[in-house]
Amino acid sequence: MIEYCLSNVGEESRQRLRAREDAVEAPCLEHCGICRREPFRVVDGDLLRGDGLEGQAGTAGTDERSK
């Protein structure tokens, strides 16, 4: 499952994520500090973050795990 905040995803990425059956959009995932600084997703419970996520919305940035 991929979870993402509406305010943290650009329109193009949002459209790609909405096309996925495993993606869930939320008004807030309560990661506000990260949300203000950089793109992020929660994939299968793991927080993924980084600028590369916007270009990888179709794959949810599965190569960029948080440290």
N, C-alpha and C. Protein backbone atom coordinates (compact mmCIF):
# COMPACT_ATOMS: atom_id res chain seq x y z
N MET A 1 0.84 -1.17 0.00
CA MET A 1 0.00 0.00 0.00
C MET A 1 0.89 1.24 0.00
N ILE A 2 0.50 2.23 -0.77
CA ILE A 2 1.20 3.51 -0.85
C ILE A 2 0.27 4.57 -0.28
N GLU A 3 0.74 5.30 0.70
CA GLU A 3 -0.03 6.40 1.27
C GLU A 3 0.72 7.70 0.99
N TYR A 4 -0.04 8.76 0.70
CA TYR A 4 0.59 10.05 0.43
C TYR A 4 -0.34 11.19 0.84
N CYS A 5 0.28 12.31 1.22
CA CYS A 5 -0.47 13.52 1.59
C CYS A 5 -0.79 14.31 0.32
N LEU A 6 -1.99 14.79 0.23
CA LEU A 6 -2.39 15.59 -0.92
C LEU A 6 -1.51 16.82 -1.09
N SER A 7 -1.13 17.45 0.00
CA SER A 7 -0.34 18.68 -0.09
C SER A 7 1.13 18.42 -0.41
N ASN A 8 1.56 17.16 -0.41
CA ASN A 8 2.96 16.83 -0.62
C ASN A 8 3.23 16.25 -2.01
N VAL A 9 2.20 16.14 -2.84
CA VAL A 9 2.32 15.51 -4.15
C VAL A 9 1.88 16.49 -5.23
N GLY A 10 2.71 16.63 -6.25
CA GLY A 10 2.36 17.47 -7.38
C GLY A 10 1.25 16.85 -8.21
N GLU A 11 0.64 17.63 -9.07
CA GLU A 11 -0.51 17.17 -9.86
C GLU A 11 -0.17 15.97 -10.75
N GLU A 12 0.97 16.01 -11.41
CA GLU A 12 1.34 14.91 -12.30
C GLU A 12 1.52 13.61 -11.52
N SER A 13 2.23 13.68 -10.40
CA SER A 13 2.41 12.50 -9.55
C SER A 13 1.09 12.03 -8.97
N ARG A 14 0.25 12.96 -8.58
CA ARG A 14 -1.05 12.61 -8.02
C ARG A 14 -1.88 11.80 -9.02
N GLN A 15 -1.86 12.21 -10.29
CA GLN A 15 -2.61 11.49 -11.31
C GLN A 15 -2.08 10.06 -11.48
N ARG A 16 -0.74 9.91 -11.47
CA ARG A 16 -0.16 8.56 -11.58
C ARG A 16 -0.50 7.71 -10.36
N LEU A 17 -0.45 8.31 -9.18
CA LEU A 17 -0.77 7.55 -7.97
C LEU A 17 -2.25 7.17 -7.93
N ARG A 18 -3.12 8.06 -8.36
CA ARG A 18 -4.56 7.75 -8.37
C ARG A 18 -4.88 6.59 -9.30
N ALA A 19 -4.06 6.38 -10.31
CA ALA A 19 -4.28 5.28 -11.24
C ALA A 19 -3.91 3.92 -10.64
N ARG A 20 -3.19 3.93 -9.55
CA ARG A 20 -2.77 2.68 -8.89
C ARG A 20 -3.84 2.20 -7.93
N GLU A 21 -4.07 0.92 -7.91
CA GLU A 21 -5.06 0.35 -6.99
C GLU A 21 -4.55 0.30 -5.55
N ASP A 22 -3.23 0.33 -5.38
CA ASP A 22 -2.66 0.21 -4.04
C ASP A 22 -2.30 1.55 -3.40
N ALA A 23 -2.74 2.66 -3.99
CA ALA A 23 -2.41 3.99 -3.47
C ALA A 23 -3.62 4.60 -2.75
N VAL A 24 -3.33 5.26 -1.62
CA VAL A 24 -4.37 5.90 -0.81
C VAL A 24 -3.94 7.34 -0.56
N GLU A 25 -4.78 8.30 -0.97
CA GLU A 25 -4.45 9.69 -0.67
C GLU A 25 -5.12 10.09 0.63
N ALA A 26 -4.42 10.94 1.37
CA ALA A 26 -4.91 11.40 2.66
C ALA A 26 -4.70 12.90 2.77
N PRO A 27 -5.56 13.59 3.51
CA PRO A 27 -5.33 15.02 3.70
C PRO A 27 -4.06 15.26 4.52
N CYS A 28 -3.72 14.33 5.44
CA CYS A 28 -2.52 14.49 6.26
C CYS A 28 -2.12 13.13 6.81
N LEU A 29 -0.83 12.81 6.74
CA LEU A 29 -0.30 11.58 7.33
C LEU A 29 0.47 11.86 8.61
N GLU A 30 0.40 13.09 9.08
CA GLU A 30 1.01 13.52 10.34
C GLU A 30 2.53 13.38 10.35
N HIS A 31 3.15 13.71 9.22
CA HIS A 31 4.61 13.82 9.10
C HIS A 31 4.91 15.25 8.65
N CYS A 32 4.31 16.22 9.33
CA CYS A 32 4.33 17.62 8.87
C CYS A 32 5.74 18.20 8.71
N GLY A 33 6.66 17.88 9.60
CA GLY A 33 8.02 18.39 9.48
C GLY A 33 8.68 17.93 8.19
N ILE A 34 8.53 16.67 7.86
CA ILE A 34 9.09 16.12 6.62
C ILE A 34 8.33 16.69 5.43
N CYS A 35 7.02 16.76 5.56
CA CYS A 35 6.16 17.23 4.47
C CYS A 35 6.55 18.64 4.02
N ARG A 36 6.93 19.49 4.96
CA ARG A 36 7.34 20.86 4.63
C ARG A 36 8.69 20.90 3.91
N ARG A 37 9.55 19.91 4.16
CA ARG A 37 10.91 19.92 3.63
C ARG A 37 11.10 19.18 2.32
N GLU A 38 10.39 18.04 2.14
CA GLU A 38 10.68 17.21 0.97
C GLU A 38 9.52 16.27 0.67
N PRO A 39 9.49 15.73 -0.56
CA PRO A 39 8.47 14.74 -0.91
C PRO A 39 8.67 13.47 -0.08
N PHE A 40 7.56 12.82 0.25
CA PHE A 40 7.64 11.54 0.94
C PHE A 40 6.41 10.71 0.63
N ARG A 41 6.52 9.41 0.84
CA ARG A 41 5.41 8.47 0.74
C ARG A 41 5.57 7.48 1.88
N VAL A 42 4.50 6.84 2.27
CA VAL A 42 4.56 5.72 3.20
C VAL A 42 4.17 4.49 2.38
N VAL A 43 5.12 3.58 2.21
CA VAL A 43 4.92 2.39 1.39
C VAL A 43 5.04 1.17 2.28
N ASP A 44 3.94 0.44 2.38
CA ASP A 44 3.89 -0.74 3.24
C ASP A 44 4.40 -0.44 4.65
N GLY A 45 4.06 0.74 5.15
CA GLY A 45 4.44 1.13 6.51
C GLY A 45 5.80 1.77 6.63
N ASP A 46 6.61 1.75 5.56
CA ASP A 46 7.95 2.35 5.58
C ASP A 46 7.91 3.76 5.00
N LEU A 47 8.55 4.69 5.67
CA LEU A 47 8.63 6.07 5.20
C LEU A 47 9.72 6.18 4.14
N LEU A 48 9.33 6.60 2.94
CA LEU A 48 10.27 6.85 1.84
C LEU A 48 10.31 8.34 1.61
N ARG A 49 11.48 8.90 1.45
CA ARG A 49 11.58 10.35 1.29
C ARG A 49 12.65 10.73 0.30
N GLY A 50 12.52 11.93 -0.24
CA GLY A 50 13.53 12.44 -1.15
C GLY A 50 12.96 13.04 -2.41
N ASP A 51 13.75 13.89 -3.05
CA ASP A 51 13.32 14.59 -4.25
C ASP A 51 13.02 13.64 -5.40
N GLY A 52 13.63 12.48 -5.46
CA GLY A 52 13.41 11.54 -6.54
C GLY A 52 12.00 10.95 -6.58
N LEU A 53 11.26 11.09 -5.50
CA LEU A 53 9.91 10.51 -5.45
C LEU A 53 8.96 11.16 -6.43
N GLU A 54 9.08 12.44 -6.67
CA GLU A 54 8.15 13.11 -7.59
C GLU A 54 8.23 12.52 -8.98
N GLY A 55 9.41 12.17 -9.44
CA GLY A 55 9.56 11.59 -10.75
C GLY A 55 9.26 10.09 -10.78
N GLN A 56 9.05 9.49 -9.61
CA GLN A 56 8.84 8.05 -9.54
C GLN A 56 7.48 7.70 -8.95
N ALA A 57 6.50 8.56 -9.11
CA ALA A 57 5.20 8.29 -8.51
C ALA A 57 4.61 6.97 -8.96
N GLY A 58 4.91 6.59 -10.17
CA GLY A 58 4.39 5.31 -10.65
C GLY A 58 4.97 4.12 -9.92
N THR A 59 6.20 4.28 -9.41
CA THR A 59 6.83 3.20 -8.65
C THR A 59 6.93 3.55 -7.18
N ALA A 60 6.48 4.72 -6.81
CA ALA A 60 6.48 5.19 -5.42
C ALA A 60 7.86 5.32 -4.83
N GLY A 61 8.89 5.39 -5.66
CA GLY A 61 10.23 5.60 -5.15
C GLY A 61 10.73 4.47 -4.28
N THR A 62 10.44 3.25 -4.63
CA THR A 62 10.78 2.12 -3.78
C THR A 62 12.28 1.95 -3.58
N ASP A 63 13.11 2.66 -4.32
CA ASP A 63 14.55 2.58 -4.13
C ASP A 63 15.08 3.59 -3.13
N GLU A 64 14.25 4.50 -2.67
CA GLU A 64 14.72 5.55 -1.78
C GLU A 64 14.13 5.38 -0.39
N ARG A 65 14.72 4.52 0.40
CA ARG A 65 14.25 4.28 1.76
C ARG A 65 14.85 5.32 2.70
N SER A 66 14.07 5.71 3.70
CA SER A 66 14.58 6.67 4.69
C SER A 66 15.62 6.00 5.57
N LYS A 67 16.46 6.82 6.14
CA LYS A 67 17.53 6.29 7.01
C LYS A 67 17.09 6.31 8.45
